[in-house]
PDB file of N, CA and C in Angstrom:
ATOM      1  N   MET A   1     -20.336   8.231 -24.905  1.00  0.00           N
ATOM      2  CA  MET A   1     -20.205   7.117 -25.821  1.00  0.00           C
ATOM      3  C   MET A   1     -21.461   7.056 -26.675  1.00  0.00           C
ATOM      4  N   ASN A   2     -21.287   7.172 -27.963  1.00  0.00           N
ATOM      5  CA  ASN A   2     -22.425   7.045 -28.870  1.00  0.00           C
ATOM      6  C   ASN A   2     -21.967   6.312 -30.116  1.00  0.00           C
ATOM      7  N   PHE A   3     -22.421   5.089 -30.247  1.00  0.00           N
ATOM      8  CA  PHE A   3     -22.037   4.271 -31.384  1.00  0.00           C
ATOM      9  C   PHE A   3     -23.169   4.158 -32.385  1.00  0.00           C
ATOM     10  N   GLY A   4     -24.258   4.800 -32.113  1.00  0.00           N
ATOM     11  CA  GLY A   4     -25.379   4.846 -33.051  1.00  0.00           C
ATOM     12  C   GLY A   4     -26.036   3.502 -33.282  1.00  0.00           C
ATOM     13  N   GLY A   5     -27.240   3.354 -32.815  1.00  0.00           N
ATOM     14  CA  GLY A   5     -27.984   2.135 -33.091  1.00  0.00           C
ATOM     15  C   GLY A   5     -27.856   1.091 -31.993  1.00  0.00           C
ATOM     16  N   MET A   6     -28.397  -0.062 -32.308  1.00  0.00           N
ATOM     17  CA  MET A   6     -28.452  -1.135 -31.318  1.00  0.00           C
ATOM     18  C   MET A   6     -27.566  -2.305 -31.742  1.00  0.00           C
ATOM     19  N   ARG A   7     -26.404  -2.026 -32.284  1.00  0.00           N
ATOM     20  CA  ARG A   7     -25.490  -3.064 -32.716  1.00  0.00           C
ATOM     21  C   ARG A   7     -24.783  -3.690 -31.522  1.00  0.00           C
ATOM     22  N   SER A   8     -24.412  -4.952 -31.679  1.00  0.00           N
ATOM     23  CA  SER A   8     -23.610  -5.559 -30.627  1.00  0.00           C
ATOM     24  C   SER A   8     -22.219  -4.946 -30.666  1.00  0.00           C
ATOM     25  N   MET A   9     -21.564  -4.938 -29.546  1.00  0.00           N
ATOM     26  CA  MET A   9     -20.270  -4.280 -29.450  1.00  0.00           C
ATOM     27  C   MET A   9     -19.346  -4.973 -28.464  1.00  0.00           C
ATOM     28  N   TRP A  10     -18.129  -4.530 -28.483  1.00  0.00           N
ATOM     29  CA  TRP A  10     -17.093  -5.022 -27.585  1.00  0.00           C
ATOM     30  C   TRP A  10     -16.578  -3.864 -26.753  1.00  0.00           C
ATOM     31  N   ILE A  11     -16.306  -4.133 -25.487  1.00  0.00           N
ATOM     32  CA  ILE A  11     -15.635  -3.160 -24.625  1.00  0.00           C
ATOM     33  C   ILE A  11     -14.235  -3.701 -24.377  1.00  0.00           C
ATOM     34  N   VAL A  12     -13.252  -2.820 -24.515  1.00  0.00           N
ATOM     35  CA  VAL A  12     -11.868  -3.171 -24.209  1.00  0.00           C
ATOM     36  C   VAL A  12     -11.438  -2.318 -23.020  1.00  0.00           C
ATOM     37  N   ALA A  13     -10.970  -2.985 -21.975  1.00  0.00           N
ATOM     38  CA  ALA A  13     -10.437  -2.304 -20.795  1.00  0.00           C
ATOM     39  C   ALA A  13      -8.927  -2.501 -20.786  1.00  0.00           C
ATOM     40  N   MET A  14      -8.198  -1.395 -20.787  1.00  0.00           N
ATOM     41  CA  MET A  14      -6.733  -1.431 -20.750  1.00  0.00           C
ATOM     42  C   MET A  14      -6.301  -0.697 -19.496  1.00  0.00           C
ATOM     43  N   PHE A  15      -5.364  -1.278 -18.775  1.00  0.00           N
ATOM     44  CA  PHE A  15      -4.986  -0.624 -17.532  1.00  0.00           C
ATOM     45  C   PHE A  15      -3.514  -0.801 -17.213  1.00  0.00           C
ATOM     46  N   ASP A  16      -3.003   0.172 -16.471  1.00  0.00           N
ATOM     47  CA  ASP A  16      -1.631   0.171 -15.981  1.00  0.00           C
ATOM     48  C   ASP A  16      -1.742   0.561 -14.509  1.00  0.00           C
ATOM     49  N   LEU A  17      -1.671  -0.422 -13.647  1.00  0.00           N
ATOM     50  CA  LEU A  17      -1.870  -0.191 -12.221  1.00  0.00           C
ATOM     51  C   LEU A  17      -0.597  -0.510 -11.450  1.00  0.00           C
ATOM     52  N   PRO A  18      -0.311   0.260 -10.422  1.00  0.00           N
ATOM     53  CA  PRO A  18       0.892  -0.020  -9.625  1.00  0.00           C
ATOM     54  C   PRO A  18       0.728  -1.303  -8.812  1.00  0.00           C
ATOM     55  N   VAL A  19       1.838  -1.988  -8.607  1.00  0.00           N
ATOM     56  CA  VAL A  19       1.851  -3.196  -7.772  1.00  0.00           C
ATOM     57  C   VAL A  19       3.081  -3.176  -6.863  1.00  0.00           C
ATOM     58  N   ASP A  20       3.511  -1.966  -6.487  1.00  0.00           N
ATOM     59  CA  ASP A  20       4.751  -1.813  -5.740  1.00  0.00           C
ATOM     60  C   ASP A  20       4.602  -1.918  -4.223  1.00  0.00           C
ATOM     61  N   THR A  21       3.377  -1.973  -3.739  1.00  0.00           N
ATOM     62  CA  THR A  21       3.149  -2.135  -2.296  1.00  0.00           C
ATOM     63  C   THR A  21       2.090  -3.221  -2.096  1.00  0.00           C
ATOM     64  N   PRO A  22       2.022  -3.787  -0.907  1.00  0.00           N
ATOM     65  CA  PRO A  22       0.970  -4.786  -0.662  1.00  0.00           C
ATOM     66  C   PRO A  22      -0.436  -4.231  -0.911  1.00  0.00           C
ATOM     67  N   GLY A  23      -0.682  -2.989  -0.526  1.00  0.00           N
ATOM     68  CA  GLY A  23      -2.000  -2.380  -0.755  1.00  0.00           C
ATOM     69  C   GLY A  23      -2.303  -2.208  -2.242  1.00  0.00           C
ATOM     70  N   ALA A  24      -1.287  -1.790  -3.013  1.00  0.00           N
ATOM     71  CA  ALA A  24      -1.472  -1.618  -4.456  1.00  0.00           C
ATOM     72  C   ALA A  24      -1.738  -2.967  -5.124  1.00  0.00           C
ATOM     73  N   ARG A  25      -1.054  -4.019  -4.668  1.00  0.00           N
ATOM     74  CA  ARG A  25      -1.294  -5.356  -5.224  1.00  0.00           C
ATOM     75  C   ARG A  25      -2.711  -5.826  -4.915  1.00  0.00           C
ATOM     76  N   ARG A  26      -3.199  -5.523  -3.719  1.00  0.00           N
ATOM     77  CA  ARG A  26      -4.581  -5.870  -3.364  1.00  0.00           C
ATOM     78  C   ARG A  26      -5.566  -5.125  -4.265  1.00  0.00           C
ATOM     79  N   ASP A  27      -5.320  -3.827  -4.475  1.00  0.00           N
ATOM     80  CA  ASP A  27      -6.198  -3.030  -5.349  1.00  0.00           C
ATOM     81  C   ASP A  27      -6.198  -3.585  -6.767  1.00  0.00           C
ATOM     82  N   TYR A  28      -5.020  -3.955  -7.264  1.00  0.00           N
ATOM     83  CA  TYR A  28      -4.907  -4.541  -8.603  1.00  0.00           C
ATOM     84  C   TYR A  28      -5.717  -5.836  -8.685  1.00  0.00           C
ATOM     85  N   ALA A  29      -5.517  -6.711  -7.713  1.00  0.00           N
ATOM     86  CA  ALA A  29      -6.217  -8.007  -7.712  1.00  0.00           C
ATOM     87  C   ALA A  29      -7.730  -7.815  -7.619  1.00  0.00           C
ATOM     88  N   LYS A  30      -8.155  -6.861  -6.798  1.00  0.00           N
ATOM     89  CA  LYS A  30      -9.590  -6.593  -6.645  1.00  0.00           C
ATOM     90  C   LYS A  30     -10.186  -6.067  -7.949  1.00  0.00           C
ATOM     91  N   PHE A  31      -9.470  -5.172  -8.629  1.00  0.00           N
ATOM     92  CA  PHE A  31      -9.956  -4.623  -9.893  1.00  0.00           C
ATOM     93  C   PHE A  31     -10.044  -5.722 -10.945  1.00  0.00           C
ATOM     94  N   ARG A  32      -8.977  -6.519 -11.073  1.00  0.00           N
ATOM     95  CA  ARG A  32      -8.954  -7.609 -12.047  1.00  0.00           C
ATOM     96  C   ARG A  32     -10.075  -8.611 -11.774  1.00  0.00           C
ATOM     97  N   LYS A  33     -10.270  -8.950 -10.515  1.00  0.00           N
ATOM     98  CA  LYS A  33     -11.340  -9.887 -10.142  1.00  0.00           C
ATOM     99  C   LYS A  33     -12.710  -9.285 -10.485  1.00  0.00           C
ATOM    100  N   GLY A  34     -12.867  -7.982 -10.280  1.00  0.00           N
ATOM    101  CA  GLY A  34     -14.114  -7.310 -10.621  1.00  0.00           C
ATOM    102  C   GLY A  34     -14.408  -7.377 -12.114  1.00  0.00           C
ATOM    103  N   LEU A  35     -13.362  -7.191 -12.935  1.00  0.00           N
ATOM    104  CA  LEU A  35     -13.546  -7.317 -14.378  1.00  0.00           C
ATOM    105  C   LEU A  35     -14.008  -8.728 -14.743  1.00  0.00           C
ATOM    106  N   LEU A  36     -13.353  -9.731 -14.180  1.00  0.00           N
ATOM    107  CA  LEU A  36     -13.708 -11.119 -14.476  1.00  0.00           C
ATOM    108  C   LEU A  36     -15.137 -11.431 -14.038  1.00  0.00           C
ATOM    109  N   GLN A  37     -15.531 -10.928 -12.866  1.00  0.00           N
ATOM    110  CA  GLN A  37     -16.888 -11.162 -12.366  1.00  0.00           C
ATOM    111  C   GLN A  37     -17.934 -10.471 -13.237  1.00  0.00           C
ATOM    112  N   ASP A  38     -17.528  -9.402 -13.926  1.00  0.00           N
ATOM    113  CA  ASP A  38     -18.453  -8.689 -14.805  1.00  0.00           C
ATOM    114  C   ASP A  38     -18.440  -9.253 -16.230  1.00  0.00           C
ATOM    115  N   GLY A  39     -17.772 -10.376 -16.439  1.00  0.00           N
ATOM    116  CA  GLY A  39     -17.812 -11.036 -17.738  1.00  0.00           C
ATOM    117  C   GLY A  39     -16.692 -10.691 -18.694  1.00  0.00           C
ATOM    118  N   PHE A  40     -15.691  -9.950 -18.236  1.00  0.00           N
ATOM    119  CA  PHE A  40     -14.544  -9.647 -19.081  1.00  0.00           C
ATOM    120  C   PHE A  40     -13.622 -10.860 -19.143  1.00  0.00           C
ATOM    121  N   SER A  41     -12.894 -10.976 -20.244  1.00  0.00           N
ATOM    122  CA  SER A  41     -11.900 -12.038 -20.429  1.00  0.00           C
ATOM    123  C   SER A  41     -10.563 -11.394 -20.755  1.00  0.00           C
ATOM    124  N   MET A  42      -9.489 -12.025 -20.299  1.00  0.00           N
ATOM    125  CA  MET A  42      -8.170 -11.476 -20.578  1.00  0.00           C
ATOM    126  C   MET A  42      -7.804 -11.707 -22.046  1.00  0.00           C
ATOM    127  N   MET A  43      -7.464 -10.629 -22.735  1.00  0.00           N
ATOM    128  CA  MET A  43      -7.017 -10.703 -24.125  1.00  0.00           C
ATOM    129  C   MET A  43      -5.488 -10.740 -24.158  1.00  0.00           C
ATOM    130  N   GLN A  44      -4.880  -9.913 -23.340  1.00  0.00           N
ATOM    131  CA  GLN A  44      -3.444  -9.837 -23.130  1.00  0.00           C
ATOM    132  C   GLN A  44      -3.278  -9.356 -21.699  1.00  0.00           C
ATOM    133  N   TYR A  45      -2.047  -9.376 -21.195  1.00  0.00           N
ATOM    134  CA  TYR A  45      -1.844  -8.826 -19.858  1.00  0.00           C
ATOM    135  C   TYR A  45      -2.337  -7.383 -19.831  1.00  0.00           C
ATOM    136  N   SER A  46      -3.128  -7.064 -18.852  1.00  0.00           N
ATOM    137  CA  SER A  46      -3.675  -5.724 -18.646  1.00  0.00           C
ATOM    138  C   SER A  46      -4.592  -5.244 -19.763  1.00  0.00           C
ATOM    139  N   VAL A  47      -5.096  -6.159 -20.585  1.00  0.00           N
ATOM    140  CA  VAL A  47      -6.082  -5.835 -21.623  1.00  0.00           C
ATOM    141  C   VAL A  47      -7.183  -6.888 -21.538  1.00  0.00           C
ATOM    142  N   TYR A  48      -8.383  -6.446 -21.194  1.00  0.00           N
ATOM    143  CA  TYR A  48      -9.522  -7.348 -21.023  1.00  0.00           C
ATOM    144  C   TYR A  48     -10.634  -6.922 -21.965  1.00  0.00           C
ATOM    145  N   ILE A  49     -11.414  -7.896 -22.441  1.00  0.00           N
ATOM    146  CA  ILE A  49     -12.494  -7.599 -23.383  1.00  0.00           C
ATOM    147  C   ILE A  49     -13.802  -8.204 -22.896  1.00  0.00           C
ATOM    148  N   ARG A  50     -14.891  -7.591 -23.348  1.00  0.00           N
ATOM    149  CA  ARG A  50     -16.223  -8.098 -23.027  1.00  0.00           C
ATOM    150  C   ARG A  50     -17.155  -7.810 -24.186  1.00  0.00           C
ATOM    151  N   HIS A  51     -17.925  -8.808 -24.579  1.00  0.00           N
ATOM    152  CA  HIS A  51     -18.931  -8.617 -25.625  1.00  0.00           C
ATOM    153  C   HIS A  51     -20.220  -8.124 -24.976  1.00  0.00           C
ATOM    154  N   CYS A  52     -20.895  -7.204 -25.635  1.00  0.00           N
ATOM    155  CA  CYS A  52     -22.173  -6.670 -25.160  1.00  0.00           C
ATOM    156  C   CYS A  52     -23.197  -6.774 -26.284  1.00  0.00           C
ATOM    157  N   ALA A  53     -24.432  -7.032 -25.915  1.00  0.00           N
ATOM    158  CA  ALA A  53     -25.497  -7.226 -26.898  1.00  0.00           C
ATOM    159  C   ALA A  53     -25.815  -5.958 -27.686  1.00  0.00           C
ATOM    160  N   ASN A  54     -25.668  -4.798 -27.026  1.00  0.00           N
ATOM    161  CA  ASN A  54     -25.989  -3.537 -27.692  1.00  0.00           C
ATOM    162  C   ASN A  54     -25.363  -2.383 -26.919  1.00  0.00           C
ATOM    163  N   GLU A  55     -25.568  -1.174 -27.411  1.00  0.00           N
ATOM    164  CA  GLU A  55     -24.969   0.003 -26.789  1.00  0.00           C
ATOM    165  C   GLU A  55     -25.468   0.226 -25.361  1.00  0.00           C
ATOM    166  N   ASP A  56     -26.749   0.003 -25.120  1.00  0.00           N
ATOM    167  CA  ASP A  56     -27.283   0.182 -23.771  1.00  0.00           C
ATOM    168  C   ASP A  56     -26.620  -0.785 -22.790  1.00  0.00           C
ATOM    169  N   ASN A  57     -26.431  -2.029 -23.225  1.00  0.00           N
ATOM    170  CA  ASN A  57     -25.755  -3.017 -22.381  1.00  0.00           C
ATOM    171  C   ASN A  57     -24.301  -2.613 -22.145  1.00  0.00           C
ATOM    172  N   ALA A  58     -23.645  -2.065 -23.155  1.00  0.00           N
ATOM    173  CA  ALA A  58     -22.256  -1.614 -23.010  1.00  0.00           C
ATOM    174  C   ALA A  58     -22.155  -0.489 -21.979  1.00  0.00           C
ATOM    175  N   LYS A  59     -23.117   0.421 -21.998  1.00  0.00           N
ATOM    176  CA  LYS A  59     -23.111   1.525 -21.021  1.00  0.00           C
ATOM    177  C   LYS A  59     -23.168   0.995 -19.593  1.00  0.00           C
ATOM    178  N   VAL A  60     -23.955  -0.042 -19.391  1.00  0.00           N
ATOM    179  CA  VAL A  60     -24.054  -0.654 -18.052  1.00  0.00           C
ATOM    180  C   VAL A  60     -22.681  -1.115 -17.603  1.00  0.00           C
ATOM    181  N   HIS A  61     -21.936  -1.753 -18.486  1.00  0.00           N
ATOM    182  CA  HIS A  61     -20.627  -2.286 -18.114  1.00  0.00           C
ATOM    183  C   HIS A  61     -19.572  -1.193 -17.991  1.00  0.00           C
ATOM    184  N   PHE A  62     -19.697  -0.119 -18.758  1.00  0.00           N
ATOM    185  CA  PHE A  62     -18.819   1.037 -18.568  1.00  0.00           C
ATOM    186  C   PHE A  62     -18.987   1.568 -17.142  1.00  0.00           C
ATOM    187  N   PHE A  63     -20.233   1.718 -16.699  1.00  0.00           N
ATOM    188  CA  PHE A  63     -20.493   2.227 -15.349  1.00  0.00           C
ATOM    189  C   PHE A  63     -20.005   1.254 -14.281  1.00  0.00           C
ATOM    190  N   ARG A  64     -20.140  -0.040 -14.519  1.00  0.00           N
ATOM    191  CA  ARG A  64     -19.659  -1.032 -13.554  1.00  0.00           C
ATOM    192  C   ARG A  64     -18.152  -0.954 -13.396  1.00  0.00           C
ATOM    193  N   VAL A  65     -17.437  -0.771 -14.493  1.00  0.00           N
ATOM    194  CA  VAL A  65     -15.978  -0.651 -14.402  1.00  0.00           C
ATOM    195  C   VAL A  65     -15.616   0.629 -13.668  1.00  0.00           C
ATOM    196  N   LYS A  66     -16.295   1.712 -13.981  1.00  0.00           N
ATOM    197  CA  LYS A  66     -16.030   2.974 -13.279  1.00  0.00           C
ATOM    198  C   LYS A  66     -16.239   2.825 -11.781  1.00  0.00           C
ATOM    199  N   ALA A  67     -17.186   1.989 -11.383  1.00  0.00           N
ATOM    200  CA  ALA A  67     -17.495   1.811  -9.957  1.00  0.00           C
ATOM    201  C   ALA A  67     -16.412   1.033  -9.216  1.00  0.00           C
ATOM    202  N   ILE A  68     -15.574   0.288  -9.930  1.00  0.00           N
ATOM    203  CA  ILE A  68     -14.545  -0.512  -9.245  1.00  0.00           C
ATOM    204  C   ILE A  68     -13.132   0.009  -9.505  1.00  0.00           C
ATOM    205  N   LEU A  69     -13.007   1.230 -10.021  1.00  0.00           N
ATOM    206  CA  LEU A  69     -11.679   1.773 -10.308  1.00  0.00           C
ATOM    207  C   LEU A  69     -10.831   1.829  -9.052  1.00  0.00           C
ATOM    208  N   PRO A  70      -9.573   1.405  -9.159  1.00  0.00           N
ATOM    209  CA  PRO A  70      -8.672   1.519  -8.008  1.00  0.00           C
ATOM    210  C   PRO A  70      -8.262   2.980  -7.813  1.00  0.00           C
ATOM    211  N   PRO A  71      -7.754   3.324  -6.621  1.00  0.00           N
ATOM    212  CA  PRO A  71      -7.418   4.727  -6.346  1.00  0.00           C
ATOM    213  C   PRO A  71      -6.220   5.242  -7.140  1.00  0.00           C
ATOM    214  N   ASP A  72      -5.301   4.355  -7.556  1.00  0.00           N
ATOM    215  CA  ASP A  72      -4.107   4.769  -8.285  1.00  0.00           C
ATOM    216  C   ASP A  72      -4.034   4.055  -9.626  1.00  0.00           C
ATOM    217  N   GLY A  73      -3.237   4.601 -10.526  1.00  0.00           N
ATOM    218  CA  GLY A  73      -3.032   3.965 -11.811  1.00  0.00           C
ATOM    219  C   GLY A  73      -3.901   4.567 -12.895  1.00  0.00           C
ATOM    220  N   GLU A  74      -3.925   3.874 -14.021  1.00  0.00           N
ATOM    221  CA  GLU A  74      -4.629   4.380 -15.192  1.00  0.00           C
ATOM    222  C   GLU A  74      -5.455   3.265 -15.815  1.00  0.00           C
ATOM    223  N   VAL A  75      -6.721   3.578 -16.100  1.00  0.00           N
ATOM    224  CA  VAL A  75      -7.625   2.620 -16.741  1.00  0.00           C
ATOM    225  C   VAL A  75      -8.254   3.326 -17.938  1.00  0.00           C
ATOM    226  N   ARG A  76      -8.262   2.643 -19.086  1.00  0.00           N
ATOM    227  CA  ARG A  76      -8.887   3.188 -20.296  1.00  0.00           C
ATOM    228  C   ARG A  76      -9.928   2.199 -20.788  1.00  0.00           C
ATOM    229  N   LEU A  77     -11.094   2.706 -21.156  1.00  0.00           N
ATOM    230  CA  LEU A  77     -12.158   1.880 -21.723  1.00  0.00           C
ATOM    231  C   LEU A  77     -12.483   2.401 -23.111  1.00  0.00           C
ATOM    232  N   ILE A  78     -12.692   1.484 -24.021  1.00  0.00           N
ATOM    233  CA  ILE A  78     -13.077   1.873 -25.377  1.00  0.00           C
ATOM    234  C   ILE A  78     -14.092   0.861 -25.882  1.00  0.00           C
ATOM    235  N   GLY A  79     -15.059   1.341 -26.653  1.00  0.00           N
ATOM    236  CA  GLY A  79     -16.065   0.470 -27.227  1.00  0.00           C
ATOM    237  C   GLY A  79     -15.921   0.382 -28.735  1.00  0.00           C
ATOM    238  N   PHE A  80     -16.126  -0.815 -29.258  1.00  0.00           N
ATOM    239  CA  PHE A  80     -16.062  -1.060 -30.698  1.00  0.00           C
ATOM    240  C   PHE A  80     -17.309  -1.818 -31.126  1.00  0.00           C
ATOM    241  N   THR A  81     -17.797  -1.525 -32.303  1.00  0.00           N
ATOM    242  CA  THR A  81     -18.873  -2.351 -32.857  1.00  0.00           C
ATOM    243  C   THR A  81     -18.251  -3.689 -33.270  1.00  0.00           C
ATOM    244  N   ASP A  82     -19.113  -4.691 -33.486  1.00  0.00           N
ATOM    245  CA  ASP A  82     -18.617  -5.987 -33.962  1.00  0.00           C
ATOM    246  C   ASP A  82     -17.831  -5.825 -35.259  1.00  0.00           C
ATOM    247  N   LEU A  83     -18.333  -4.989 -36.163  1.00  0.00           N
ATOM    248  CA  LEU A  83     -17.668  -4.783 -37.445  1.00  0.00           C
ATOM    249  C   LEU A  83     -16.273  -4.198 -37.250  1.00  0.00           C
ATOM    250  N   GLN A  84     -16.160  -3.185 -36.389  1.00  0.00           N
ATOM    251  CA  GLN A  84     -14.858  -2.574 -36.128  1.00  0.00           C
ATOM    252  C   GLN A  84     -13.918  -3.575 -35.457  1.00  0.00           C
ATOM    253  N   PHE A  85     -14.420  -4.300 -34.489  1.00  0.00           N
ATOM    254  CA  PHE A  85     -13.601  -5.277 -33.766  1.00  0.00           C
ATOM    255  C   PHE A  85     -13.115  -6.375 -34.718  1.00  0.00           C
ATOM    256  N   GLY A  86     -13.968  -6.762 -35.647  1.00  0.00           N
ATOM    257  CA  GLY A  86     -13.613  -7.804 -36.602  1.00  0.00           C
ATOM    258  C   GLY A  86     -12.528  -7.402 -37.578  1.00  0.00           C
ATOM    259  N   LYS A  87     -12.278  -6.111 -37.713  1.00  0.00           N
ATOM    260  CA  LYS A  87     -11.226  -5.629 -38.611  1.00  0.00           C
ATOM    261  C   LYS A  87      -9.847  -5.642 -37.951  1.00  0.00           C
ATOM    262  N   MET A  88      -9.784  -6.072 -36.698  1.00  0.00           N
ATOM    263  CA  MET A  88      -8.517  -6.114 -35.994  1.00  0.00           C
ATOM    264  C   MET A  88      -7.567  -7.085 -36.703  1.00  0.00           C
ATOM    265  N   GLU A  89      -6.342  -6.659 -36.850  1.00  0.00           N
ATOM    266  CA  GLU A  89      -5.325  -7.545 -37.409  1.00  0.00           C
ATOM    267  C   GLU A  89      -4.437  -8.019 -36.272  1.00  0.00           C
ATOM    268  N   ILE A  90      -4.113  -9.282 -36.297  1.00  0.00           N
ATOM    269  CA  ILE A  90      -3.293  -9.884 -35.245  1.00  0.00           C
ATOM    270  C   ILE A  90      -2.010 -10.387 -35.887  1.00  0.00           C
ATOM    271  N   PHE A  91      -0.888  -9.984 -35.344  1.00  0.00           N
ATOM    272  CA  PHE A  91       0.413 -10.392 -35.845  1.00  0.00           C
ATOM    273  C   PHE A  91       1.103 -11.211 -34.767  1.00  0.00           C
ATOM    274  N   LEU A  92       1.519 -12.395 -35.126  1.00  0.00           N
ATOM    275  CA  LEU A  92       2.182 -13.281 -34.173  1.00  0.00           C
ATOM    276  C   LEU A  92       3.628 -13.488 -34.597  1.00  0.00           C
ATOM    277  N   GLY A  93       4.519 -13.358 -33.643  1.00  0.00           N
ATOM    278  CA  GLY A  93       5.922 -13.664 -33.902  1.00  0.00           C
ATOM    279  C   GLY A  93       6.162 -15.153 -33.701  1.00  0.00           C
ATOM    280  N   ARG A  94       7.401 -15.553 -33.854  1.00  0.00           N
ATOM    281  CA  ARG A  94       7.743 -16.952 -33.610  1.00  0.00           C
ATOM    282  C   ARG A  94       7.540 -17.281 -32.145  1.00  0.00           C
ATOM    283  N   ARG A  95       7.177 -18.506 -31.886  1.00  0.00           N
ATOM    284  CA  ARG A  95       7.058 -18.966 -30.506  1.00  0.00           C
ATOM    285  C   ARG A  95       8.457 -19.195 -29.961  1.00  0.00           C
ATOM    286  N   ARG A  96       8.734 -18.650 -28.809  1.00  0.00           N
ATOM    287  CA  ARG A  96      10.035 -18.853 -28.184  1.00  0.00           C
ATOM    288  C   ARG A  96      10.087 -20.219 -27.527  1.00  0.00           C
ATOM    289  N   LYS A  97      11.214 -20.844 -27.648  1.00  0.00           N
ATOM    290  CA  LYS A  97      11.420 -22.106 -26.950  1.00  0.00           C
ATOM    291  C   LYS A  97      11.919 -21.785 -25.557  1.00  0.00           C
ATOM    292  N   ALA A  98      11.558 -22.639 -24.600  1.00  0.00           N
ATOM    293  CA  ALA A  98      12.033 -22.444 -23.230  1.00  0.00           C
ATOM    294  C   ALA A  98      13.550 -22.591 -23.217  1.00  0.00           C
ATOM    295  N   PRO A  99      14.250 -21.748 -22.442  1.00  0.00           N
ATOM    296  CA  PRO A  99      15.708 -21.873 -22.382  1.00  0.00           C
ATOM    297  C   PRO A  99      16.107 -23.218 -21.772  1.00  0.00           C
ATOM    298  N   VAL A 100      17.230 -23.695 -22.198  1.00  0.00           N
ATOM    299  CA  VAL A 100      17.733 -24.964 -21.678  1.00  0.00           C
ATOM    300  C   VAL A 100      18.088 -24.761 -20.205  1.00  0.00           C
ATOM    301  N   ALA A 101      17.592 -25.656 -19.365  1.00  0.00           N
ATOM    302  CA  ALA A 101      17.856 -25.549 -17.920  1.00  0.00           C
ATOM    303  C   ALA A 101      19.320 -25.879 -17.645  1.00  0.00           C
ATOM    304  N   ALA A 102      19.875 -25.165 -16.696  1.00  0.00           N
ATOM    305  CA  ALA A 102      21.257 -25.440 -16.300  1.00  0.00           C
ATOM    306  C   ALA A 102      21.308 -26.814 -15.635  1.00  0.00           C
ATOM    307  N   PRO A 103      22.391 -27.561 -15.853  1.00  0.00           N
ATOM    308  CA  PRO A 103      22.491 -28.872 -15.228  1.00  0.00           C
ATOM    309  C   PRO A 103      22.578 -28.730 -13.712  1.00  0.00           C
ATOM    310  N   ALA A 104      22.095 -29.760 -13.037  1.00  0.00           N
ATOM    311  CA  ALA A 104      22.146 -29.743 -11.567  1.00  0.00           C
ATOM    312  C   ALA A 104      23.610 -29.745 -11.123  1.00  0.00           C
ATOM    313  N   GLN A 105      23.877 -28.997 -10.084  1.00  0.00           N
ATOM    314  CA  GLN A 105      25.236 -28.907  -9.590  1.00  0.00           C
ATOM    315  C   GLN A 105      25.536 -30.144  -8.739  1.00  0.00           C
ATOM    316  N   VAL A 106      26.696 -30.688  -8.932  1.00  0.00           N
ATOM    317  CA  VAL A 106      27.113 -31.883  -8.197  1.00  0.00           C
ATOM    318  C   VAL A 106      27.981 -31.439  -7.032  1.00  0.00           C
ATOM    319  N   GLU A 107      27.677 -31.964  -5.851  1.00  0.00           N
ATOM    320  CA  GLU A 107      28.478 -31.652  -4.668  1.00  0.00           C
ATOM    321  C   GLU A 107      29.525 -32.722  -4.491  1.00  0.00           C
ATOM    322  N   MET A 108      30.718 -32.315  -4.183  1.00  0.00           N
ATOM    323  CA  MET A 108      31.794 -33.260  -3.906  1.00  0.00           C
ATOM    324  C   MET A 108      32.231 -33.072  -2.469  1.00  0.00           C
ATOM    325  N   PHE A 109      32.332 -34.159  -1.772  1.00  0.00           N
ATOM    326  CA  PHE A 109      32.730 -34.098  -0.369  1.00  0.00           C
ATOM    327  C   PHE A 109      34.214 -34.251  -0.255  1.00  0.00           C
TER     328      PHE A 109
END
């Protein structure tokens, strides 16, 4: 990772981890908790972000994430400068309304 200079940056962690067994769910929860403890915030499901003061600070957090990788699944880390991160475009669709709940069933004796 070389972003040149001492600019502040963002780290994005994206992951796809199995949750099909109790052990896999524990590994997922442990990894997610580790990200949160290291200052990451959830951006979307399975996408977490963290701001870093500079490239050296970002390297520290890259190594911390590598140290808590679960045994299965896929984790991707990418770093962006503030300028690059600020160019992100966000597109929002319409907000979905909650479906109408089915009426309570009446029992007849």
